[in-house]
Amino acid sequence: MEDETYSGLGSGGEIDTKVVQTFQKNFVQVQNILDQNRLLINEINQNHETKIPDNLTRNVGLIRELNNNIRRVVDLYADLSTSYTKCMDASSSDGDSNGAMKSGANKRNRPA
């Protein structure tokens, strides 16, 4: 089943490698941010349990940092989605130019 994942990613190894490297880089960044979020959430919970005013005040900054991290994760996933879409569009174009779709009558044009 894993073989099917890469089967449609283009005809050249260069595109496949670039896409896989981009995905891997973004997933590593996401995982690092999620690990940091886990630590932030633990600290926020500990501060909340103490009910010490200074700790509760510190939570305001920690929660802001947590929110910023969540935005970064959303942005990274959006980048992944865009990269994947571009790759699939390029793969589709490569297939068309390489004669993979020989019957022009069955081809549908997508709006740009």
PDB file of N, CA and C in Angstrom:
ATOM      1  N   MET A   1       0.819  -1.180   0.000  1.00  0.00           N
ATOM      2  CA  MET A   1       0.000   0.000   0.000  1.00  0.00           C
ATOM      3  C   MET A   1       0.870   1.253   0.000  1.00  0.00           C
ATOM      4  N   GLU A   2       2.029   1.243   0.647  1.00  0.00           N
ATOM      5  CA  GLU A   2       2.910   2.398   0.656  1.00  0.00           C
ATOM      6  C   GLU A   2       3.416   2.719  -0.732  1.00  0.00           C
ATOM      7  N   ASP A   3       3.592   1.697  -1.574  1.00  0.00           N
ATOM      8  CA  ASP A   3       4.064   1.931  -2.933  1.00  0.00           C
ATOM      9  C   ASP A   3       3.096   2.821  -3.696  1.00  0.00           C
ATOM     10  N   GLU A   4       1.806   2.668  -3.426  1.00  0.00           N
ATOM     11  CA  GLU A   4       0.808   3.463  -4.119  1.00  0.00           C
ATOM     12  C   GLU A   4       0.930   4.939  -3.784  1.00  0.00           C
ATOM     13  N   THR A   5       1.425   5.257  -2.602  1.00  0.00           N
ATOM     14  CA  THR A   5       1.547   6.641  -2.175  1.00  0.00           C
ATOM     15  C   THR A   5       2.450   7.431  -3.108  1.00  0.00           C
ATOM     16  N   TYR A   6       3.501   6.827  -3.585  1.00  0.00           N
ATOM     17  CA  TYR A   6       4.476   7.529  -4.408  1.00  0.00           C
ATOM     18  C   TYR A   6       4.256   7.334  -5.898  1.00  0.00           C
ATOM     19  N   SER A   7       3.314   6.484  -6.280  1.00  0.00           N
ATOM     20  CA  SER A   7       3.179   6.146  -7.688  1.00  0.00           C
ATOM     21  C   SER A   7       2.754   7.321  -8.553  1.00  0.00           C
ATOM     22  N   GLY A   8       2.007   8.269  -8.010  1.00  0.00           N
ATOM     23  CA  GLY A   8       1.509   9.361  -8.820  1.00  0.00           C
ATOM     24  C   GLY A   8       2.261  10.658  -8.640  1.00  0.00           C
ATOM     25  N   LEU A   9       3.438  10.623  -8.059  1.00  0.00           N
ATOM     26  CA  LEU A   9       4.139  11.860  -7.744  1.00  0.00           C
ATOM     27  C   LEU A   9       5.052  12.351  -8.851  1.00  0.00           C
ATOM     28  N   GLY A  10       4.803  11.986 -10.050  1.00  0.00           N
ATOM     29  CA  GLY A  10       5.608  12.508 -11.144  1.00  0.00           C
ATOM     30  C   GLY A  10       6.463  11.440 -11.755  1.00  0.00           C
ATOM     31  N   SER A  11       6.979  11.750 -12.943  1.00  0.00           N
ATOM     32  CA  SER A  11       7.749  10.754 -13.665  1.00  0.00           C
ATOM     33  C   SER A  11       9.219  10.777 -13.289  1.00  0.00           C
ATOM     34  N   GLY A  12       9.708  11.911 -12.798  1.00  0.00           N
ATOM     35  CA  GLY A  12      11.124  12.011 -12.486  1.00  0.00           C
ATOM     36  C   GLY A  12      11.395  11.823 -11.015  1.00  0.00           C
ATOM     37  N   GLY A  13      12.542  11.231 -10.695  1.00  0.00           N
ATOM     38  CA  GLY A  13      12.941  11.052  -9.313  1.00  0.00           C
ATOM     39  C   GLY A  13      13.193  12.376  -8.620  1.00  0.00           C
ATOM     40  N   GLU A  14      13.540  13.403  -9.380  1.00  0.00           N
ATOM     41  CA  GLU A  14      13.835  14.708  -8.797  1.00  0.00           C
ATOM     42  C   GLU A  14      12.605  15.295  -8.114  1.00  0.00           C
ATOM     43  N   ILE A  15      11.462  15.207  -8.756  1.00  0.00           N
ATOM     44  CA  ILE A  15      10.230  15.729  -8.167  1.00  0.00           C
ATOM     45  C   ILE A  15       9.881  14.921  -6.925  1.00  0.00           C
ATOM     46  N   ASP A  16       9.966  13.609  -7.013  1.00  0.00           N
ATOM     47  CA  ASP A  16       9.644  12.753  -5.873  1.00  0.00           C
ATOM     48  C   ASP A  16      10.530  13.095  -4.682  1.00  0.00           C
ATOM     49  N   THR A  17      11.818  13.211  -4.904  1.00  0.00           N
ATOM     50  CA  THR A  17      12.761  13.491  -3.828  1.00  0.00           C
ATOM     51  C   THR A  17      12.488  14.851  -3.212  1.00  0.00           C
ATOM     52  N   LYS A  18      12.243  15.848  -4.042  1.00  0.00           N
ATOM     53  CA  LYS A  18      11.988  17.193  -3.544  1.00  0.00           C
ATOM     54  C   LYS A  18      10.724  17.220  -2.689  1.00  0.00           C
ATOM     55  N   VAL A  19       9.679  16.565  -3.145  1.00  0.00           N
ATOM     56  CA  VAL A  19       8.419  16.538  -2.398  1.00  0.00           C
ATOM     57  C   VAL A  19       8.615  15.817  -1.069  1.00  0.00           C
ATOM     58  N   VAL A  20       9.256  14.683  -1.098  1.00  0.00           N
ATOM     59  CA  VAL A  20       9.470  13.911   0.126  1.00  0.00           C
ATOM     60  C   VAL A  20      10.316  14.721   1.114  1.00  0.00           C
ATOM     61  N   GLN A  21      11.343  15.403   0.620  1.00  0.00           N
ATOM     62  CA  GLN A  21      12.179  16.226   1.502  1.00  0.00           C
ATOM     63  C   GLN A  21      11.383  17.373   2.107  1.00  0.00           C
ATOM     64  N   THR A  22      10.532  18.006   1.304  1.00  0.00           N
ATOM     65  CA  THR A  22       9.692  19.098   1.809  1.00  0.00           C
ATOM     66  C   THR A  22       8.740  18.577   2.869  1.00  0.00           C
ATOM     67  N   PHE A  23       8.090  17.455   2.595  1.00  0.00           N
ATOM     68  CA  PHE A  23       7.167  16.875   3.568  1.00  0.00           C
ATOM     69  C   PHE A  23       7.910  16.531   4.857  1.00  0.00           C
ATOM     70  N   GLN A  24       9.055  15.885   4.715  1.00  0.00           N
ATOM     71  CA  GLN A  24       9.804  15.472   5.892  1.00  0.00           C
ATOM     72  C   GLN A  24      10.219  16.684   6.719  1.00  0.00           C
ATOM     73  N   LYS A  25      10.714  17.722   6.061  1.00  0.00           N
ATOM     74  CA  LYS A  25      11.148  18.938   6.759  1.00  0.00           C
ATOM     75  C   LYS A  25       9.982  19.559   7.521  1.00  0.00           C
ATOM     76  N   ASN A  26       8.829  19.682   6.857  1.00  0.00           N
ATOM     77  CA  ASN A  26       7.672  20.292   7.507  1.00  0.00           C
ATOM     78  C   ASN A  26       7.134  19.433   8.643  1.00  0.00           C
ATOM     79  N   PHE A  27       7.119  18.121   8.454  1.00  0.00           N
ATOM     80  CA  PHE A  27       6.629  17.251   9.518  1.00  0.00           C
ATOM     81  C   PHE A  27       7.553  17.279  10.731  1.00  0.00           C
ATOM     82  N   VAL A  28       8.853  17.393  10.509  1.00  0.00           N
ATOM     83  CA  VAL A  28       9.797  17.512  11.630  1.00  0.00           C
ATOM     84  C   VAL A  28       9.553  18.825  12.370  1.00  0.00           C
ATOM     85  N   GLN A  29       9.342  19.908  11.621  1.00  0.00           N
ATOM     86  CA  GLN A  29       9.051  21.196  12.256  1.00  0.00           C
ATOM     87  C   GLN A  29       7.754  21.125  13.057  1.00  0.00           C
ATOM     88  N   VAL A  30       6.729  20.522  12.481  1.00  0.00           N
ATOM     89  CA  VAL A  30       5.454  20.385  13.182  1.00  0.00           C
ATOM     90  C   VAL A  30       5.644  19.581  14.462  1.00  0.00           C
ATOM     91  N   GLN A  31       6.363  18.469  14.375  1.00  0.00           N
ATOM     92  CA  GLN A  31       6.565  17.636  15.562  1.00  0.00           C
ATOM     93  C   GLN A  31       7.316  18.393  16.648  1.00  0.00           C
ATOM     94  N   ASN A  32       8.322  19.173  16.263  1.00  0.00           N
ATOM     95  CA  ASN A  32       9.072  19.963  17.245  1.00  0.00           C
ATOM     96  C   ASN A  32       8.173  20.991  17.934  1.00  0.00           C
ATOM     97  N   ILE A  33       7.314  21.638  17.164  1.00  0.00           N
ATOM     98  CA  ILE A  33       6.394  22.623  17.734  1.00  0.00           C
ATOM     99  C   ILE A  33       5.388  21.935  18.665  1.00  0.00           C
ATOM    100  N   LEU A  34       4.884  20.780  18.256  1.00  0.00           N
ATOM    101  CA  LEU A  34       3.928  20.059  19.103  1.00  0.00           C
ATOM    102  C   LEU A  34       4.582  19.590  20.402  1.00  0.00           C
ATOM    103  N   ASP A  35       5.837  19.182  20.323  1.00  0.00           N
ATOM    104  CA  ASP A  35       6.572  18.807  21.539  1.00  0.00           C
ATOM    105  C   ASP A  35       6.717  20.011  22.470  1.00  0.00           C
ATOM    106  N   GLN A  36       7.031  21.164  21.879  1.00  0.00           N
ATOM    107  CA  GLN A  36       7.150  22.387  22.674  1.00  0.00           C
ATOM    108  C   GLN A  36       5.794  22.750  23.293  1.00  0.00           C
ATOM    109  N   ASN A  37       4.717  22.576  22.532  1.00  0.00           N
ATOM    110  CA  ASN A  37       3.388  22.861  23.054  1.00  0.00           C
ATOM    111  C   ASN A  37       3.045  21.981  24.252  1.00  0.00           C
ATOM    112  N   ARG A  38       3.453  20.724  24.192  1.00  0.00           N
ATOM    113  CA  ARG A  38       3.197  19.827  25.317  1.00  0.00           C
ATOM    114  C   ARG A  38       3.854  20.360  26.579  1.00  0.00           C
ATOM    115  N   LEU A  39       5.106  20.842  26.439  1.00  0.00           N
ATOM    116  CA  LEU A  39       5.814  21.398  27.594  1.00  0.00           C
ATOM    117  C   LEU A  39       5.137  22.672  28.093  1.00  0.00           C
ATOM    118  N   LEU A  40       4.703  23.518  27.157  1.00  0.00           N
ATOM    119  CA  LEU A  40       4.011  24.749  27.545  1.00  0.00           C
ATOM    120  C   LEU A  40       2.721  24.441  28.302  1.00  0.00           C
ATOM    121  N   ILE A  41       1.961  23.484  27.789  1.00  0.00           N
ATOM    122  CA  ILE A  41       0.697  23.126  28.430  1.00  0.00           C
ATOM    123  C   ILE A  41       0.948  22.573  29.837  1.00  0.00           C
ATOM    124  N   ASN A  42       1.983  21.760  29.990  1.00  0.00           N
ATOM    125  CA  ASN A  42       2.316  21.243  31.317  1.00  0.00           C
ATOM    126  C   ASN A  42       2.659  22.375  32.278  1.00  0.00           C
ATOM    127  N   GLU A  43       3.453  23.339  31.800  1.00  0.00           N
ATOM    128  CA  GLU A  43       3.831  24.468  32.651  1.00  0.00           C
ATOM    129  C   GLU A  43       2.612  25.335  32.988  1.00  0.00           C
ATOM    130  N   ILE A  44       1.751  25.554  32.004  1.00  0.00           N
ATOM    131  CA  ILE A  44       0.520  26.331  32.235  1.00  0.00           C
ATOM    132  C   ILE A  44      -0.333  25.644  33.296  1.00  0.00           C
ATOM    133  N   ASN A  45      -0.483  24.347  33.194  1.00  0.00           N
ATOM    134  CA  ASN A  45      -1.284  23.596  34.174  1.00  0.00           C
ATOM    135  C   ASN A  45      -0.678  23.673  35.572  1.00  0.00           C
ATOM    136  N   GLN A  46       0.639  23.526  35.655  1.00  0.00           N
ATOM    137  CA  GLN A  46       1.308  23.615  36.958  1.00  0.00           C
ATOM    138  C   GLN A  46       1.128  25.003  37.576  1.00  0.00           C
ATOM    139  N   ASN A  47       1.302  26.023  36.737  1.00  0.00           N
ATOM    140  CA  ASN A  47       1.124  27.392  37.236  1.00  0.00           C
ATOM    141  C   ASN A  47      -0.314  27.620  37.712  1.00  0.00           C
ATOM    142  N   HIS A  48      -1.254  27.085  36.986  1.00  0.00           N
ATOM    143  CA  HIS A  48      -2.657  27.253  37.347  1.00  0.00           C
ATOM    144  C   HIS A  48      -2.971  26.573  38.682  1.00  0.00           C
ATOM    145  N   GLU A  49      -2.404  25.398  38.867  1.00  0.00           N
ATOM    146  CA  GLU A  49      -2.656  24.642  40.104  1.00  0.00           C
ATOM    147  C   GLU A  49      -2.102  25.348  41.333  1.00  0.00           C
ATOM    148  N   THR A  50      -0.994  26.079  41.170  1.00  0.00           N
ATOM    149  CA  THR A  50      -0.393  26.759  42.330  1.00  0.00           C
ATOM    150  C   THR A  50      -1.229  27.950  42.790  1.00  0.00           C
ATOM    151  N   LYS A  51      -1.959  28.552  41.864  1.00  0.00           N
ATOM    152  CA  LYS A  51      -2.784  29.735  42.143  1.00  0.00           C
ATOM    153  C   LYS A  51      -1.962  30.907  42.676  1.00  0.00           C
ATOM    154  N   ILE A  52      -0.663  30.870  42.453  1.00  0.00           N
ATOM    155  CA  ILE A  52       0.211  31.980  42.850  1.00  0.00           C
ATOM    156  C   ILE A  52       0.062  33.077  41.797  1.00  0.00           C
ATOM    157  N   PRO A  53      -0.210  34.314  42.223  1.00  0.00           N
ATOM    158  CA  PRO A  53      -0.455  35.392  41.248  1.00  0.00           C
ATOM    159  C   PRO A  53       0.643  35.551  40.185  1.00  0.00           C
ATOM    160  N   ASP A  54       1.900  35.469  40.576  1.00  0.00           N
ATOM    161  CA  ASP A  54       2.982  35.602  39.586  1.00  0.00           C
ATOM    162  C   ASP A  54       2.934  34.485  38.552  1.00  0.00           C
ATOM    163  N   ASN A  55       2.631  33.283  38.987  1.00  0.00           N
ATOM    164  CA  ASN A  55       2.537  32.149  38.062  1.00  0.00           C
ATOM    165  C   ASN A  55       1.345  32.308  37.119  1.00  0.00           C
ATOM    166  N   LEU A  56       0.240  32.808  37.662  1.00  0.00           N
ATOM    167  CA  LEU A  56      -0.937  33.019  36.828  1.00  0.00           C
ATOM    168  C   LEU A  56      -0.679  34.129  35.807  1.00  0.00           C
ATOM    169  N   THR A  57       0.056  35.148  36.208  1.00  0.00           N
ATOM    170  CA  THR A  57       0.428  36.220  35.291  1.00  0.00           C
ATOM    171  C   THR A  57       1.343  35.682  34.198  1.00  0.00           C
ATOM    172  N   ARG A  58       2.267  34.805  34.581  1.00  0.00           N
ATOM    173  CA  ARG A  58       3.182  34.191  33.598  1.00  0.00           C
ATOM    174  C   ARG A  58       2.398  33.377  32.562  1.00  0.00           C
ATOM    175  N   ASN A  59       1.292  32.790  32.976  1.00  0.00           N
ATOM    176  CA  ASN A  59       0.487  31.982  32.057  1.00  0.00           C
ATOM    177  C   ASN A  59      -0.018  32.787  30.865  1.00  0.00           C
ATOM    178  N   VAL A  60      -0.244  34.077  31.058  1.00  0.00           N
ATOM    179  CA  VAL A  60      -0.717  34.909  29.951  1.00  0.00           C
ATOM    180  C   VAL A  60       0.284  34.844  28.795  1.00  0.00           C
ATOM    181  N   GLY A  61       1.556  35.021  29.090  1.00  0.00           N
ATOM    182  CA  GLY A  61       2.598  34.940  28.068  1.00  0.00           C
ATOM    183  C   GLY A  61       2.742  33.543  27.490  1.00  0.00           C
ATOM    184  N   LEU A  62       2.628  32.533  28.352  1.00  0.00           N
ATOM    185  CA  LEU A  62       2.740  31.149  27.893  1.00  0.00           C
ATOM    186  C   LEU A  62       1.592  30.788  26.949  1.00  0.00           C
ATOM    187  N   ILE A  63       0.394  31.260  27.268  1.00  0.00           N
ATOM    188  CA  ILE A  63      -0.754  30.976  26.406  1.00  0.00           C
ATOM    189  C   ILE A  63      -0.600  31.696  25.073  1.00  0.00           C
ATOM    190  N   ARG A  64      -0.065  32.906  25.079  1.00  0.00           N
ATOM    191  CA  ARG A  64       0.202  33.610  23.812  1.00  0.00           C
ATOM    192  C   ARG A  64       1.206  32.825  22.963  1.00  0.00           C
ATOM    193  N   GLU A  65       2.249  32.327  23.619  1.00  0.00           N
ATOM    194  CA  GLU A  65       3.251  31.522  22.901  1.00  0.00           C
ATOM    195  C   GLU A  65       2.615  30.263  22.330  1.00  0.00           C
ATOM    196  N   LEU A  66       1.760  29.630  23.101  1.00  0.00           N
ATOM    197  CA  LEU A  66       1.051  28.436  22.644  1.00  0.00           C
ATOM    198  C   LEU A  66       0.187  28.757  21.428  1.00  0.00           C
ATOM    199  N   ASN A  67      -0.536  29.862  21.477  1.00  0.00           N
ATOM    200  CA  ASN A  67      -1.379  30.266  20.339  1.00  0.00           C
ATOM    201  C   ASN A  67      -0.535  30.538  19.098  1.00  0.00           C
ATOM    202  N   ASN A  68       0.603  31.197  19.267  1.00  0.00           N
ATOM    203  CA  ASN A  68       1.496  31.451  18.130  1.00  0.00           C
ATOM    204  C   ASN A  68       2.021  30.147  17.544  1.00  0.00           C
ATOM    205  N   ASN A  69       2.342  29.204  18.404  1.00  0.00           N
ATOM    206  CA  ASN A  69       2.807  27.901  17.921  1.00  0.00           C
ATOM    207  C   ASN A  69       1.722  27.186  17.126  1.00  0.00           C
ATOM    208  N   ILE A  70       0.494  27.287  17.586  1.00  0.00           N
ATOM    209  CA  ILE A  70      -0.607  26.650  16.863  1.00  0.00           C
ATOM    210  C   ILE A  70      -0.758  27.291  15.490  1.00  0.00           C
ATOM    211  N   ARG A  71      -0.624  28.615  15.416  1.00  0.00           N
ATOM    212  CA  ARG A  71      -0.678  29.299  14.106  1.00  0.00           C
ATOM    213  C   ARG A  71       0.429  28.805  13.188  1.00  0.00           C
ATOM    214  N   ARG A  72       1.624  28.606  13.750  1.00  0.00           N
ATOM    215  CA  ARG A  72       2.745  28.114  12.944  1.00  0.00           C
ATOM    216  C   ARG A  72       2.459  26.717  12.399  1.00  0.00           C
ATOM    217  N   VAL A  73       1.860  25.860  13.219  1.00  0.00           N
ATOM    218  CA  VAL A  73       1.515  24.512  12.768  1.00  0.00           C
ATOM    219  C   VAL A  73       0.495  24.583  11.633  1.00  0.00           C
ATOM    220  N   VAL A  74      -0.505  25.436  11.776  1.00  0.00           N
ATOM    221  CA  VAL A  74      -1.514  25.600  10.726  1.00  0.00           C
ATOM    222  C   VAL A  74      -0.842  26.072   9.434  1.00  0.00           C
ATOM    223  N   ASP A  75       0.078  27.032   9.537  1.00  0.00           N
ATOM    224  CA  ASP A  75       0.791  27.532   8.357  1.00  0.00           C
ATOM    225  C   ASP A  75       1.626  26.435   7.701  1.00  0.00           C
ATOM    226  N   LEU A  76       2.290  25.617   8.513  1.00  0.00           N
ATOM    227  CA  LEU A  76       3.100  24.524   7.956  1.00  0.00           C
ATOM    228  C   LEU A  76       2.218  23.513   7.225  1.00  0.00           C
ATOM    229  N   TYR A  77       1.067  23.188   7.798  1.00  0.00           N
ATOM    230  CA  TYR A  77       0.160  22.264   7.114  1.00  0.00           C
ATOM    231  C   TYR A  77      -0.396  22.890   5.831  1.00  0.00           C
ATOM    232  N   ALA A  78      -0.640  24.189   5.841  1.00  0.00           N
ATOM    233  CA  ALA A  78      -1.093  24.864   4.620  1.00  0.00           C
ATOM    234  C   ALA A  78      -0.007  24.793   3.550  1.00  0.00           C
ATOM    235  N   ASP A  79       1.249  24.991   3.954  1.00  0.00           N
ATOM    236  CA  ASP A  79       2.365  24.872   3.010  1.00  0.00           C
ATOM    237  C   ASP A  79       2.457  23.462   2.446  1.00  0.00           C
ATOM    238  N   LEU A  80       2.263  22.470   3.295  1.00  0.00           N
ATOM    239  CA  LEU A  80       2.273  21.076   2.836  1.00  0.00           C
ATOM    240  C   LEU A  80       1.177  20.838   1.813  1.00  0.00           C
ATOM    241  N   SER A  81       0.015  21.351   2.091  1.00  0.00           N
ATOM    242  CA  SER A  81      -1.108  21.185   1.171  1.00  0.00           C
ATOM    243  C   SER A  81      -0.808  21.835  -0.170  1.00  0.00           C
ATOM    244  N   THR A  82      -0.257  23.030  -0.135  1.00  0.00           N
ATOM    245  CA  THR A  82       0.089  23.737  -1.371  1.00  0.00           C
ATOM    246  C   THR A  82       1.156  22.976  -2.144  1.00  0.00           C
ATOM    247  N   SER A  83       2.181  22.504  -1.445  1.00  0.00           N
ATOM    248  CA  SER A  83       3.252  21.748  -2.102  1.00  0.00           C
ATOM    249  C   SER A  83       2.704  20.480  -2.749  1.00  0.00           C
ATOM    250  N   TYR A  84       1.838  19.792  -2.034  1.00  0.00           N
ATOM    251  CA  TYR A  84       1.265  18.558  -2.558  1.00  0.00           C
ATOM    252  C   TYR A  84       0.424  18.843  -3.798  1.00  0.00           C
ATOM    253  N   THR A  85      -0.371  19.909  -3.737  1.00  0.00           N
ATOM    254  CA  THR A  85      -1.216  20.268  -4.878  1.00  0.00           C
ATOM    255  C   THR A  85      -0.364  20.612  -6.090  1.00  0.00           C
ATOM    256  N   LYS A  86       0.688  21.392  -5.877  1.00  0.00           N
ATOM    257  CA  LYS A  86       1.582  21.747  -6.987  1.00  0.00           C
ATOM    258  C   LYS A  86       2.244  20.504  -7.571  1.00  0.00           C
ATOM    259  N   CYS A  87       2.639  19.602  -6.700  1.00  0.00           N
ATOM    260  CA  CYS A  87       3.277  18.368  -7.156  1.00  0.00           C
ATOM    261  C   CYS A  87       2.315  17.545  -7.991  1.00  0.00           C
ATOM    262  N   MET A  88       1.088  17.432  -7.523  1.00  0.00           N
ATOM    263  CA  MET A  88       0.105  16.642  -8.255  1.00  0.00           C
ATOM    264  C   MET A  88      -0.243  17.308  -9.578  1.00  0.00           C
ATOM    265  N   ASP A  89      -0.309  18.641  -9.600  1.00  0.00           N
ATOM    266  CA  ASP A  89      -0.560  19.355 -10.847  1.00  0.00           C
ATOM    267  C   ASP A  89       0.592  19.138 -11.820  1.00  0.00           C
ATOM    268  N   ALA A  90       1.826  19.199 -11.307  1.00  0.00           N
ATOM    269  CA  ALA A  90       2.999  18.974 -12.152  1.00  0.00           C
ATOM    270  C   ALA A  90       3.012  17.537 -12.658  1.00  0.00           C
ATOM    271  N   SER A  91       2.648  16.602 -11.793  1.00  0.00           N
ATOM    272  CA  SER A  91       2.596  15.194 -12.172  1.00  0.00           C
ATOM    273  C   SER A  91       1.568  14.981 -13.273  1.00  0.00           C
ATOM    274  N   SER A  92       0.435  15.639 -13.123  1.00  0.00           N
ATOM    275  CA  SER A  92      -0.624  15.536 -14.125  1.00  0.00           C
ATOM    276  C   SER A  92      -0.159  16.119 -15.454  1.00  0.00           C
ATOM    277  N   SER A  93       0.532  17.245 -15.394  1.00  0.00           N
ATOM    278  CA  SER A  93       1.055  17.870 -16.617  1.00  0.00           C
ATOM    279  C   SER A  93       2.104  16.989 -17.269  1.00  0.00           C
ATOM    280  N   ASP A  94       2.973  16.381 -16.455  1.00  0.00           N
ATOM    281  CA  ASP A  94       3.999  15.479 -17.001  1.00  0.00           C
ATOM    282  C   ASP A  94       3.347  14.303 -17.701  1.00  0.00           C
ATOM    283  N   GLY A  95       2.300  13.758 -17.099  1.00  0.00           N
ATOM    284  CA  GLY A  95       1.612  12.618 -17.706  1.00  0.00           C
ATOM    285  C   GLY A  95       1.004  12.989 -19.032  1.00  0.00           C
ATOM    286  N   ASP A  96       0.435  14.186 -19.110  1.00  0.00           N
ATOM    287  CA  ASP A  96      -0.172  14.633 -20.360  1.00  0.00           C
ATOM    288  C   ASP A  96       0.878  14.825 -21.433  1.00  0.00           C
ATOM    289  N   SER A  97       2.010  15.422 -21.090  1.00  0.00           N
ATOM    290  CA  SER A  97       3.030  15.708 -22.094  1.00  0.00           C
ATOM    291  C   SER A  97       3.794  14.454 -22.504  1.00  0.00           C
ATOM    292  N   ASN A  98       3.787  13.440 -21.645  1.00  0.00           N
ATOM    293  CA  ASN A  98       4.482  12.191 -21.971  1.00  0.00           C
ATOM    294  C   ASN A  98       3.592  11.216 -22.708  1.00  0.00           C
ATOM    295  N   GLY A  99       2.380  11.652 -23.052  1.00  0.00           N
ATOM    296  CA  GLY A  99       1.493  10.783 -23.819  1.00  0.00           C
ATOM    297  C   GLY A  99       0.730   9.803 -22.970  1.00  0.00           C
ATOM    298  N   ALA A 100       0.684  10.021 -21.662  1.00  0.00           N
ATOM    299  CA  ALA A 100      -0.035   9.099 -20.796  1.00  0.00           C
ATOM    300  C   ALA A 100      -1.523   9.134 -21.099  1.00  0.00           C
ATOM    301  N   MET A 101      -2.027  10.273 -21.519  1.00  0.00           N
ATOM    302  CA  MET A 101      -3.427  10.363 -21.880  1.00  0.00           C
ATOM    303  C   MET A 101      -3.479  10.566 -23.390  1.00  0.00           C
ATOM    304  N   LYS A 102      -3.724   9.498 -24.109  1.00  0.00           N
ATOM    305  CA  LYS A 102      -3.649   9.551 -25.564  1.00  0.00           C
ATOM    306  C   LYS A 102      -4.942  10.027 -26.193  1.00  0.00           C
ATOM    307  N   SER A 103      -6.053   9.848 -25.508  1.00  0.00           N
ATOM    308  CA  SER A 103      -7.325  10.244 -26.081  1.00  0.00           C
ATOM    309  C   SER A 103      -7.693  11.638 -25.604  1.00  0.00           C
ATOM    310  N   GLY A 104      -7.632  12.609 -26.504  1.00  0.00           N
ATOM    311  CA  GLY A 104      -7.956  13.973 -26.146  1.00  0.00           C
ATOM    312  C   GLY A 104      -9.442  14.173 -25.905  1.00  0.00           C
ATOM    313  N   ALA A 105     -10.269  13.292 -26.429  1.00  0.00           N
ATOM    314  CA  ALA A 105     -11.719  13.444 -26.280  1.00  0.00           C
ATOM    315  C   ALA A 105     -12.149  13.237 -24.833  1.00  0.00           C
ATOM    316  N   ASN A 106     -11.418  12.428 -24.068  1.00  0.00           N
ATOM    317  CA  ASN A 106     -11.779  12.146 -22.691  1.00  0.00           C
ATOM    318  C   ASN A 106     -11.183  13.140 -21.709  1.00  0.00           C
ATOM    319  N   LYS A 107     -10.352  14.021 -22.173  1.00  0.00           N
ATOM    320  CA  LYS A 107      -9.651  14.961 -21.301  1.00  0.00           C
ATOM    321  C   LYS A 107     -10.573  16.132 -20.952  1.00  0.00           C
ATOM    322  N   ARG A 108     -10.634  16.452 -19.653  1.00  0.00           N
ATOM    323  CA  ARG A 108     -11.426  17.592 -19.200  1.00  0.00           C
ATOM    324  C   ARG A 108     -10.483  18.714 -18.795  1.00  0.00           C
ATOM    325  N   ASN A 109     -10.840  19.923 -19.146  1.00  0.00           N
ATOM    326  CA  ASN A 109     -10.067  21.074 -18.750  1.00  0.00           C
ATOM    327  C   ASN A 109     -10.557  21.572 -17.394  1.00  0.00           C
ATOM    328  N   ARG A 110      -9.586  21.833 -16.499  1.00  0.00           N
ATOM    329  CA  ARG A 110      -9.907  22.378 -15.189  1.00  0.00           C
ATOM    330  C   ARG A 110      -9.827  23.890 -15.252  1.00  0.00           C
ATOM    331  N   PRO A 111     -10.695  24.565 -14.510  1.00  0.00           N
ATOM    332  CA  PRO A 111     -10.585  26.020 -14.468  1.00  0.00           C
ATOM    333  C   PRO A 111      -9.300  26.421 -13.754  1.00  0.00           C
ATOM    334  N   ALA A 112      -8.671  27.491 -14.206  1.00  0.00           N
ATOM    335  CA  ALA A 112      -7.408  27.922 -13.617  1.00  0.00           C
ATOM    336  C   ALA A 112      -7.585  28.656 -12.333  1.00  0.00           C
TER     337      ALA A 112
END
